[in-house]
Amino acid sequence: MGTLVSIQENGMSKNPIISNVVSAVAVAGFGLILLNLTFLFDYALHRLVTGAIGLFAPADLERTYGLRHALFVAVIGLISWPIFRSRLGPLYKAIYMTVPSAVVFVTLGMLLYRWPIAAYSLGTLVGAGVLYCFYRTRQPWLYYYAVILVGLALAAFSLRGGEI
């Protein structure tokens, strides 16, 4: 990330097109890295919860799945709150925005996988609602870009038959 900051400080930011392209590529690239780390964190948290439940009762993986995923969504929400309230720059927040966006869209898809039209419709409504909130609060364009990028990538993934 230091390279990004130095590129923007060394004169390339004088050309807004180059600065915007570099920022968009950074959101996509570093967002992908964060998403991979998020899925690893999800796996670790699921294993931890399954192990903890197994200490007290026989762990039936199917029965604890909803609990484990709800806990993961709550943890991501708790992590996201201070990040979005911090003084980090818009670029860093937009990069991080890929994580809660993906978690929300994936959760909707998992909960409604039996009803694909409902999953896509609700995902579109939630995404549009988030974008509207950004519009009302005059957030930077990178936030819009992050949510739209994640939404389109996950929609394309699932429409091509991908499963999580």
N, C-alpha and C. Protein backbone atom coordinates (compact mmCIF):
# COMPACT_ATOMS: atom_id res chain seq x y z
N MET A 1 0.82 -1.18 0.00
CA MET A 1 0.00 0.00 0.00
C MET A 1 0.86 1.25 0.00
N GLY A 2 2.07 1.16 0.53
CA GLY A 2 2.95 2.31 0.54
C GLY A 2 3.24 2.80 -0.87
N THR A 3 3.33 1.87 -1.83
CA THR A 3 3.58 2.24 -3.21
C THR A 3 2.43 3.08 -3.76
N LEU A 4 1.22 2.68 -3.42
CA LEU A 4 0.06 3.46 -3.87
C LEU A 4 0.10 4.89 -3.37
N VAL A 5 0.41 5.01 -2.10
CA VAL A 5 0.46 6.35 -1.52
C VAL A 5 1.58 7.16 -2.17
N SER A 6 2.75 6.52 -2.38
CA SER A 6 3.85 7.26 -2.98
C SER A 6 3.56 7.62 -4.42
N ILE A 7 2.86 6.77 -5.16
CA ILE A 7 2.49 7.11 -6.54
C ILE A 7 1.57 8.32 -6.54
N GLN A 8 0.61 8.32 -5.64
CA GLN A 8 -0.33 9.43 -5.61
C GLN A 8 0.33 10.72 -5.11
N GLU A 9 1.35 10.60 -4.27
CA GLU A 9 2.02 11.79 -3.76
C GLU A 9 3.06 12.34 -4.72
N ASN A 10 3.57 11.51 -5.63
CA ASN A 10 4.65 11.92 -6.51
C ASN A 10 4.18 12.49 -7.83
N GLY A 11 3.01 13.00 -7.89
CA GLY A 11 2.61 13.72 -9.10
C GLY A 11 1.59 13.02 -9.97
N MET A 12 1.44 11.70 -9.84
CA MET A 12 0.45 11.04 -10.67
C MET A 12 -0.96 11.45 -10.26
N SER A 13 -1.11 11.91 -9.03
CA SER A 13 -2.44 12.31 -8.59
C SER A 13 -2.87 13.60 -9.24
N LYS A 14 -1.93 14.30 -9.91
CA LYS A 14 -2.30 15.51 -10.62
C LYS A 14 -3.19 15.18 -11.82
N ASN A 15 -3.05 13.96 -12.32
CA ASN A 15 -3.90 13.49 -13.40
C ASN A 15 -5.00 12.64 -12.76
N PRO A 16 -6.21 13.16 -12.65
CA PRO A 16 -7.26 12.42 -11.93
C PRO A 16 -7.62 11.09 -12.58
N ILE A 17 -7.47 10.97 -13.87
CA ILE A 17 -7.81 9.71 -14.53
C ILE A 17 -6.86 8.61 -14.07
N ILE A 18 -5.57 8.89 -14.06
CA ILE A 18 -4.59 7.90 -13.62
C ILE A 18 -4.81 7.57 -12.15
N SER A 19 -5.04 8.57 -11.35
CA SER A 19 -5.28 8.35 -9.92
C SER A 19 -6.52 7.49 -9.69
N ASN A 20 -7.58 7.74 -10.44
CA ASN A 20 -8.81 6.95 -10.29
C ASN A 20 -8.61 5.51 -10.76
N VAL A 21 -7.87 5.32 -11.85
CA VAL A 21 -7.62 3.96 -12.34
C VAL A 21 -6.78 3.19 -11.34
N VAL A 22 -5.73 3.82 -10.80
CA VAL A 22 -4.89 3.17 -9.79
C VAL A 22 -5.73 2.81 -8.56
N SER A 23 -6.59 3.72 -8.14
CA SER A 23 -7.44 3.45 -6.98
C SER A 23 -8.40 2.29 -7.25
N ALA A 24 -8.99 2.26 -8.44
CA ALA A 24 -9.93 1.17 -8.78
C ALA A 24 -9.21 -0.17 -8.82
N VAL A 25 -8.02 -0.20 -9.39
CA VAL A 25 -7.24 -1.44 -9.43
C VAL A 25 -6.86 -1.86 -8.01
N ALA A 26 -6.52 -0.89 -7.16
CA ALA A 26 -6.16 -1.20 -5.78
C ALA A 26 -7.34 -1.81 -5.03
N VAL A 27 -8.52 -1.25 -5.22
CA VAL A 27 -9.72 -1.78 -4.56
C VAL A 27 -9.96 -3.22 -5.01
N ALA A 28 -9.86 -3.47 -6.30
CA ALA A 28 -10.09 -4.82 -6.81
C ALA A 28 -9.00 -5.79 -6.34
N GLY A 29 -7.75 -5.40 -6.47
CA GLY A 29 -6.65 -6.31 -6.12
C GLY A 29 -6.54 -6.58 -4.63
N PHE A 30 -6.46 -5.52 -3.85
CA PHE A 30 -6.33 -5.72 -2.40
C PHE A 30 -7.64 -6.24 -1.80
N GLY A 31 -8.77 -5.90 -2.41
CA GLY A 31 -10.05 -6.45 -1.97
C GLY A 31 -10.08 -7.96 -2.14
N LEU A 32 -9.54 -8.45 -3.25
CA LEU A 32 -9.48 -9.89 -3.48
C LEU A 32 -8.61 -10.58 -2.43
N ILE A 33 -7.51 -9.96 -2.09
CA ILE A 33 -6.64 -10.51 -1.04
C ILE A 33 -7.39 -10.55 0.30
N LEU A 34 -8.09 -9.45 0.63
CA LEU A 34 -8.86 -9.42 1.87
C LEU A 34 -9.97 -10.47 1.88
N LEU A 35 -10.60 -10.69 0.74
CA LEU A 35 -11.66 -11.70 0.68
C LEU A 35 -11.10 -13.10 0.93
N ASN A 36 -9.94 -13.38 0.39
CA ASN A 36 -9.32 -14.67 0.66
C ASN A 36 -8.99 -14.83 2.14
N LEU A 37 -8.47 -13.78 2.75
CA LEU A 37 -8.20 -13.82 4.19
C LEU A 37 -9.49 -13.96 4.99
N THR A 38 -10.56 -13.34 4.51
CA THR A 38 -11.86 -13.44 5.18
C THR A 38 -12.38 -14.87 5.16
N PHE A 39 -12.24 -15.55 4.02
CA PHE A 39 -12.70 -16.93 3.95
C PHE A 39 -11.86 -17.84 4.85
N LEU A 40 -10.57 -17.56 4.98
CA LEU A 40 -9.75 -18.32 5.91
C LEU A 40 -10.18 -18.06 7.36
N PHE A 41 -10.49 -16.81 7.67
CA PHE A 41 -10.98 -16.45 9.00
C PHE A 41 -12.33 -17.13 9.27
N ASP A 42 -13.19 -17.17 8.27
CA ASP A 42 -14.49 -17.84 8.40
C ASP A 42 -14.28 -19.32 8.73
N TYR A 43 -13.38 -19.97 8.03
CA TYR A 43 -13.09 -21.38 8.28
C TYR A 43 -12.60 -21.58 9.71
N ALA A 44 -11.66 -20.73 10.14
CA ALA A 44 -11.11 -20.86 11.50
C ALA A 44 -12.19 -20.64 12.55
N LEU A 45 -13.04 -19.65 12.33
CA LEU A 45 -14.11 -19.38 13.29
C LEU A 45 -15.11 -20.54 13.33
N HIS A 46 -15.44 -21.10 12.17
CA HIS A 46 -16.36 -22.24 12.14
C HIS A 46 -15.76 -23.43 12.90
N ARG A 47 -14.47 -23.68 12.70
CA ARG A 47 -13.83 -24.79 13.41
C ARG A 47 -13.82 -24.54 14.92
N LEU A 48 -13.57 -23.31 15.32
CA LEU A 48 -13.55 -22.96 16.74
C LEU A 48 -14.92 -23.15 17.37
N VAL A 49 -15.95 -22.69 16.71
CA VAL A 49 -17.32 -22.82 17.23
C VAL A 49 -17.73 -24.29 17.28
N THR A 50 -17.41 -25.04 16.23
CA THR A 50 -17.75 -26.47 16.21
C THR A 50 -17.03 -27.20 17.35
N GLY A 51 -15.77 -26.86 17.57
CA GLY A 51 -15.02 -27.48 18.66
C GLY A 51 -15.59 -27.11 20.01
N ALA A 52 -15.98 -25.84 20.18
CA ALA A 52 -16.55 -25.40 21.46
C ALA A 52 -17.89 -26.08 21.72
N ILE A 53 -18.70 -26.19 20.70
CA ILE A 53 -20.00 -26.86 20.87
C ILE A 53 -19.77 -28.34 21.16
N GLY A 54 -18.77 -28.92 20.51
CA GLY A 54 -18.46 -30.33 20.72
C GLY A 54 -18.03 -30.66 22.14
N LEU A 55 -17.55 -29.68 22.89
CA LEU A 55 -17.17 -29.91 24.29
C LEU A 55 -18.38 -30.17 25.18
N PHE A 56 -19.51 -29.59 24.80
CA PHE A 56 -20.71 -29.67 25.63
C PHE A 56 -21.78 -30.61 25.09
N ALA A 57 -21.79 -30.81 23.79
CA ALA A 57 -22.79 -31.66 23.17
C ALA A 57 -22.20 -32.22 21.88
N PRO A 58 -22.75 -33.32 21.40
CA PRO A 58 -22.26 -33.82 20.12
C PRO A 58 -22.50 -32.78 19.03
N ALA A 59 -21.46 -32.42 18.31
CA ALA A 59 -21.57 -31.36 17.30
C ALA A 59 -22.12 -31.94 16.01
N ASP A 60 -23.33 -31.58 15.70
CA ASP A 60 -23.95 -31.94 14.43
C ASP A 60 -23.70 -30.76 13.49
N LEU A 61 -22.82 -30.95 12.52
CA LEU A 61 -22.41 -29.84 11.66
C LEU A 61 -23.58 -29.17 10.96
N GLU A 62 -24.55 -29.93 10.54
CA GLU A 62 -25.70 -29.34 9.85
C GLU A 62 -26.53 -28.47 10.78
N ARG A 63 -26.67 -28.87 12.00
CA ARG A 63 -27.50 -28.12 12.94
C ARG A 63 -26.82 -26.85 13.45
N THR A 64 -25.48 -26.84 13.48
CA THR A 64 -24.77 -25.67 13.98
C THR A 64 -24.39 -24.70 12.87
N TYR A 65 -24.70 -25.03 11.62
CA TYR A 65 -24.27 -24.19 10.51
C TYR A 65 -24.85 -22.79 10.59
N GLY A 66 -26.13 -22.67 10.86
CA GLY A 66 -26.75 -21.35 10.96
C GLY A 66 -26.15 -20.52 12.08
N LEU A 67 -25.91 -21.15 13.22
CA LEU A 67 -25.30 -20.46 14.35
C LEU A 67 -23.90 -19.98 14.01
N ARG A 68 -23.12 -20.85 13.38
CA ARG A 68 -21.75 -20.49 13.03
C ARG A 68 -21.73 -19.33 12.04
N HIS A 69 -22.61 -19.36 11.06
CA HIS A 69 -22.59 -18.29 10.07
C HIS A 69 -23.13 -16.98 10.64
N ALA A 70 -24.14 -17.06 11.49
CA ALA A 70 -24.66 -15.85 12.14
C ALA A 70 -23.57 -15.22 13.01
N LEU A 71 -22.80 -16.05 13.70
CA LEU A 71 -21.70 -15.54 14.52
C LEU A 71 -20.66 -14.86 13.63
N PHE A 72 -20.37 -15.44 12.48
CA PHE A 72 -19.39 -14.85 11.57
C PHE A 72 -19.86 -13.49 11.06
N VAL A 73 -21.13 -13.38 10.68
CA VAL A 73 -21.68 -12.10 10.23
C VAL A 73 -21.58 -11.06 11.34
N ALA A 74 -21.88 -11.47 12.57
CA ALA A 74 -21.80 -10.54 13.71
C ALA A 74 -20.36 -10.10 13.95
N VAL A 75 -19.42 -11.02 13.85
CA VAL A 75 -18.00 -10.68 14.05
C VAL A 75 -17.53 -9.70 12.97
N ILE A 76 -17.90 -9.94 11.72
CA ILE A 76 -17.52 -9.03 10.64
C ILE A 76 -18.15 -7.66 10.88
N GLY A 77 -19.39 -7.63 11.35
CA GLY A 77 -20.03 -6.35 11.67
C GLY A 77 -19.30 -5.62 12.78
N LEU A 78 -18.88 -6.34 13.81
CA LEU A 78 -18.15 -5.72 14.92
C LEU A 78 -16.77 -5.22 14.49
N ILE A 79 -16.14 -5.92 13.59
CA ILE A 79 -14.84 -5.48 13.07
C ILE A 79 -15.01 -4.27 12.16
N SER A 80 -16.08 -4.27 11.37
CA SER A 80 -16.29 -3.22 10.38
C SER A 80 -16.62 -1.87 11.00
N TRP A 81 -17.36 -1.87 12.08
CA TRP A 81 -17.81 -0.61 12.68
C TRP A 81 -16.64 0.32 12.99
N PRO A 82 -15.62 -0.11 13.76
CA PRO A 82 -14.53 0.82 14.05
C PRO A 82 -13.70 1.18 12.81
N ILE A 83 -13.62 0.29 11.84
CA ILE A 83 -12.86 0.60 10.63
C ILE A 83 -13.54 1.74 9.87
N PHE A 84 -14.86 1.67 9.72
CA PHE A 84 -15.56 2.71 8.99
C PHE A 84 -15.67 4.01 9.78
N ARG A 85 -15.53 3.95 11.09
CA ARG A 85 -15.56 5.15 11.92
C ARG A 85 -14.17 5.77 12.08
N SER A 86 -13.14 5.08 11.64
CA SER A 86 -11.77 5.54 11.82
C SER A 86 -11.41 6.67 10.85
N ARG A 87 -10.21 7.15 10.99
CA ARG A 87 -9.72 8.23 10.13
C ARG A 87 -8.97 7.69 8.92
N LEU A 88 -9.10 6.42 8.64
CA LEU A 88 -8.48 5.88 7.43
C LEU A 88 -9.01 6.61 6.21
N GLY A 89 -8.19 6.67 5.18
CA GLY A 89 -8.61 7.34 3.96
C GLY A 89 -9.67 6.55 3.21
N PRO A 90 -10.36 7.21 2.29
CA PRO A 90 -11.42 6.54 1.53
C PRO A 90 -10.93 5.32 0.74
N LEU A 91 -9.70 5.37 0.24
CA LEU A 91 -9.18 4.23 -0.51
C LEU A 91 -9.11 2.99 0.37
N TYR A 92 -8.58 3.13 1.57
CA TYR A 92 -8.44 1.99 2.47
C TYR A 92 -9.81 1.47 2.93
N LYS A 93 -10.72 2.38 3.19
CA LYS A 93 -12.07 1.97 3.58
C LYS A 93 -12.78 1.28 2.42
N ALA A 94 -12.56 1.76 1.20
CA ALA A 94 -13.18 1.12 0.03
C ALA A 94 -12.61 -0.28 -0.19
N ILE A 95 -11.32 -0.43 0.03
CA ILE A 95 -10.72 -1.76 -0.08
C ILE A 95 -11.36 -2.69 0.95
N TYR A 96 -11.50 -2.21 2.17
CA TYR A 96 -12.13 -3.04 3.20
C TYR A 96 -13.61 -3.27 2.92
N MET A 97 -14.26 -2.33 2.25
CA MET A 97 -15.70 -2.44 1.95
C MET A 97 -16.03 -3.74 1.21
N THR A 98 -15.06 -4.31 0.52
CA THR A 98 -15.31 -5.57 -0.18
C THR A 98 -15.68 -6.68 0.79
N VAL A 99 -15.14 -6.64 2.00
CA VAL A 99 -15.39 -7.72 2.97
C VAL A 99 -16.83 -7.73 3.46
N PRO A 100 -17.34 -6.66 4.08
CA PRO A 100 -18.73 -6.74 4.54
C PRO A 100 -19.72 -6.87 3.38
N SER A 101 -19.39 -6.29 2.23
CA SER A 101 -20.28 -6.44 1.07
C SER A 101 -20.38 -7.91 0.67
N ALA A 102 -19.24 -8.57 0.56
CA ALA A 102 -19.25 -9.98 0.18
C ALA A 102 -19.94 -10.83 1.23
N VAL A 103 -19.71 -10.54 2.50
CA VAL A 103 -20.33 -11.33 3.56
C VAL A 103 -21.85 -11.19 3.50
N VAL A 104 -22.36 -9.99 3.28
CA VAL A 104 -23.81 -9.79 3.20
C VAL A 104 -24.38 -10.50 1.98
N PHE A 105 -23.76 -10.32 0.81
CA PHE A 105 -24.28 -10.94 -0.40
C PHE A 105 -24.21 -12.47 -0.33
N VAL A 106 -23.11 -12.99 0.18
CA VAL A 106 -22.98 -14.45 0.31
C VAL A 106 -23.98 -15.00 1.32
N THR A 107 -24.19 -14.29 2.41
CA THR A 107 -25.17 -14.73 3.41
C THR A 107 -26.57 -14.79 2.82
N LEU A 108 -26.94 -13.75 2.08
CA LEU A 108 -28.25 -13.77 1.41
C LEU A 108 -28.36 -14.95 0.45
N GLY A 109 -27.30 -15.17 -0.30
CA GLY A 109 -27.30 -16.29 -1.24
C GLY A 109 -27.41 -17.64 -0.55
N MET A 110 -26.73 -17.78 0.59
CA MET A 110 -26.79 -19.04 1.31
C MET A 110 -28.14 -19.27 1.96
N LEU A 111 -28.73 -18.21 2.49
CA LEU A 111 -30.03 -18.35 3.14
C LEU A 111 -31.14 -18.62 2.13
N LEU A 112 -31.01 -18.08 0.93
CA LEU A 112 -32.07 -18.18 -0.08
C LEU A 112 -31.67 -19.03 -1.28
N TYR A 113 -30.72 -19.95 -1.11
CA TYR A 113 -30.23 -20.71 -2.25
C TYR A 113 -31.32 -21.56 -2.92
N ARG A 114 -32.35 -21.90 -2.19
CA ARG A 114 -33.44 -22.70 -2.77
C ARG A 114 -34.35 -21.86 -3.66
N TRP A 115 -34.29 -20.55 -3.50
CA TRP A 115 -35.12 -19.63 -4.26
C TRP A 115 -34.23 -18.59 -4.95
N PRO A 116 -33.61 -18.95 -6.06
CA PRO A 116 -32.63 -18.06 -6.70
C PRO A 116 -33.20 -16.68 -7.06
N ILE A 117 -34.44 -16.62 -7.50
CA ILE A 117 -35.01 -15.32 -7.86
C ILE A 117 -35.11 -14.43 -6.62
N ALA A 118 -35.49 -15.02 -5.50
CA ALA A 118 -35.55 -14.25 -4.25
C ALA A 118 -34.16 -13.81 -3.82
N ALA A 119 -33.17 -14.68 -3.98
CA ALA A 119 -31.80 -14.34 -3.60
C ALA A 119 -31.27 -13.17 -4.42
N TYR A 120 -31.45 -13.23 -5.74
CA TYR A 120 -30.96 -12.15 -6.60
C TYR A 120 -31.76 -10.87 -6.37
N SER A 121 -33.06 -11.00 -6.17
CA SER A 121 -33.89 -9.81 -5.94
C SER A 121 -33.52 -9.12 -4.64
N LEU A 122 -33.41 -9.91 -3.57
CA LEU A 122 -33.07 -9.32 -2.28
C LEU A 122 -31.64 -8.76 -2.29
N GLY A 123 -30.73 -9.47 -2.95
CA GLY A 123 -29.37 -8.97 -3.07
C GLY A 123 -29.32 -7.65 -3.82
N THR A 124 -30.13 -7.53 -4.87
CA THR A 124 -30.20 -6.29 -5.64
C THR A 124 -30.79 -5.17 -4.78
N LEU A 125 -31.83 -5.49 -4.03
CA LEU A 125 -32.44 -4.47 -3.16
C LEU A 125 -31.49 -4.01 -2.07
N VAL A 126 -30.78 -4.94 -1.46
CA VAL A 126 -29.82 -4.57 -0.42
C VAL A 126 -28.69 -3.73 -1.02
N GLY A 127 -28.17 -4.17 -2.16
CA GLY A 127 -27.12 -3.41 -2.83
C GLY A 127 -27.58 -2.01 -3.20
N ALA A 128 -28.79 -1.90 -3.74
CA ALA A 128 -29.33 -0.58 -4.11
C ALA A 128 -29.54 0.28 -2.86
N GLY A 129 -29.96 -0.35 -1.78
CA GLY A 129 -30.14 0.39 -0.53
C GLY A 129 -28.82 0.95 0.01
N VAL A 130 -27.78 0.14 -0.07
CA VAL A 130 -26.45 0.60 0.37
C VAL A 130 -25.98 1.75 -0.51
N LEU A 131 -26.15 1.59 -1.83
CA LEU A 131 -25.74 2.65 -2.75
C LEU A 131 -26.53 3.93 -2.51
N TYR A 132 -27.81 3.79 -2.20
CA TYR A 132 -28.63 4.97 -1.91
C TYR A 132 -28.13 5.66 -0.63
N CYS A 133 -27.77 4.87 0.38
CA CYS A 133 -27.21 5.46 1.61
C CYS A 133 -25.91 6.21 1.31
N PHE A 134 -25.09 5.64 0.44
CA PHE A 134 -23.86 6.34 0.04
C PHE A 134 -24.19 7.65 -0.66
N TYR A 135 -25.20 7.62 -1.51
CA TYR A 135 -25.60 8.82 -2.24
C TYR A 135 -26.11 9.89 -1.27
N ARG A 136 -26.95 9.49 -0.34
CA ARG A 136 -27.53 10.44 0.62
C ARG A 136 -26.46 11.06 1.53
N THR A 137 -25.42 10.28 1.84
CA THR A 137 -24.37 10.80 2.73
C THR A 137 -23.15 11.29 1.95
N ARG A 138 -23.28 11.35 0.63
CA ARG A 138 -22.23 11.90 -0.25
C ARG A 138 -20.87 11.23 -0.02
N GLN A 139 -20.87 9.91 -0.11
CA GLN A 139 -19.63 9.15 0.07
C GLN A 139 -18.82 9.14 -1.23
N PRO A 140 -17.52 8.86 -1.14
CA PRO A 140 -16.67 8.82 -2.33
C PRO A 140 -17.09 7.71 -3.30
N TRP A 141 -16.77 7.94 -4.56
CA TRP A 141 -17.16 7.00 -5.62
C TRP A 141 -16.56 5.62 -5.40
N LEU A 142 -15.43 5.52 -4.73
CA LEU A 142 -14.79 4.22 -4.50
C LEU A 142 -15.68 3.29 -3.68
N TYR A 143 -16.49 3.83 -2.80
CA TYR A 143 -17.41 3.00 -2.01
C TYR A 143 -18.45 2.36 -2.92
N TYR A 144 -19.01 3.14 -3.82
CA TYR A 144 -19.97 2.62 -4.79
C TYR A 144 -19.31 1.51 -5.60
N TYR A 145 -18.11 1.83 -6.08
CA TYR A 145 -17.38 0.89 -6.92
C TYR A 145 -17.15 -0.44 -6.20
N ALA A 146 -16.75 -0.39 -4.93
CA ALA A 146 -16.47 -1.61 -4.18
C ALA A 146 -17.71 -2.49 -4.06
N VAL A 147 -18.84 -1.88 -3.72
CA VAL A 147 -20.08 -2.66 -3.54
C VAL A 147 -20.55 -3.22 -4.89
N ILE A 148 -20.51 -2.41 -5.93
CA ILE A 148 -20.95 -2.88 -7.25
C ILE A 148 -20.02 -3.98 -7.76
N LEU A 149 -18.72 -3.80 -7.58
CA LEU A 149 -17.75 -4.81 -8.03
C LEU A 149 -18.00 -6.15 -7.35
N VAL A 150 -18.17 -6.14 -6.05
CA VAL A 150 -18.41 -7.38 -5.31
C VAL A 150 -19.75 -8.00 -5.73
N GLY A 151 -20.78 -7.17 -5.83
CA GLY A 151 -22.10 -7.69 -6.22
C GLY A 151 -22.08 -8.33 -7.60
N LEU A 152 -21.46 -7.66 -8.56
CA LEU A 152 -21.39 -8.22 -9.92
C LEU A 152 -20.52 -9.48 -9.97
N ALA A 153 -19.41 -9.47 -9.25
CA ALA A 153 -18.53 -10.64 -9.24
C ALA A 153 -19.24 -11.85 -8.64
N LEU A 154 -19.94 -11.66 -7.53
CA LEU A 154 -20.65 -12.78 -6.90
C LEU A 154 -21.83 -13.23 -7.74
N ALA A 155 -22.53 -12.29 -8.39
CA ALA A 155 -23.64 -12.67 -9.26
C ALA A 155 -23.12 -13.49 -10.44
N ALA A 156 -22.03 -13.04 -11.06
CA ALA A 156 -21.46 -13.78 -12.18
C ALA A 156 -20.98 -15.16 -11.73
N PHE A 157 -20.37 -15.23 -10.57
CA PHE A 157 -19.90 -16.50 -10.02
C PHE A 157 -21.06 -17.49 -9.84
N SER A 158 -22.14 -17.02 -9.23
CA SER A 158 -23.25 -17.94 -8.98
C SER A 158 -24.03 -18.25 -10.25
N LEU A 159 -24.15 -17.30 -11.16
CA LEU A 159 -24.85 -17.58 -12.42
C LEU A 159 -24.10 -18.58 -13.29
N ARG A 160 -22.81 -18.65 -13.12
CA ARG A 160 -22.01 -19.63 -13.87
C ARG A 160 -21.94 -20.97 -13.17
N GLY A 161 -22.69 -21.14 -12.08
CA GLY A 161 -22.77 -22.43 -11.40
C GLY A 161 -21.85 -22.59 -10.21
N GLY A 162 -21.21 -21.51 -9.79
CA GLY A 162 -20.31 -21.60 -8.65
C GLY A 162 -21.07 -21.77 -7.36
N GLU A 163 -20.47 -22.50 -6.44
CA GLU A 163 -21.08 -22.71 -5.13
C GLU A 163 -20.04 -22.47 -4.06
N ILE A 164 -20.49 -21.92 -2.95
CA ILE A 164 -19.57 -21.67 -1.83
C ILE A 164 -19.75 -22.77 -0.81
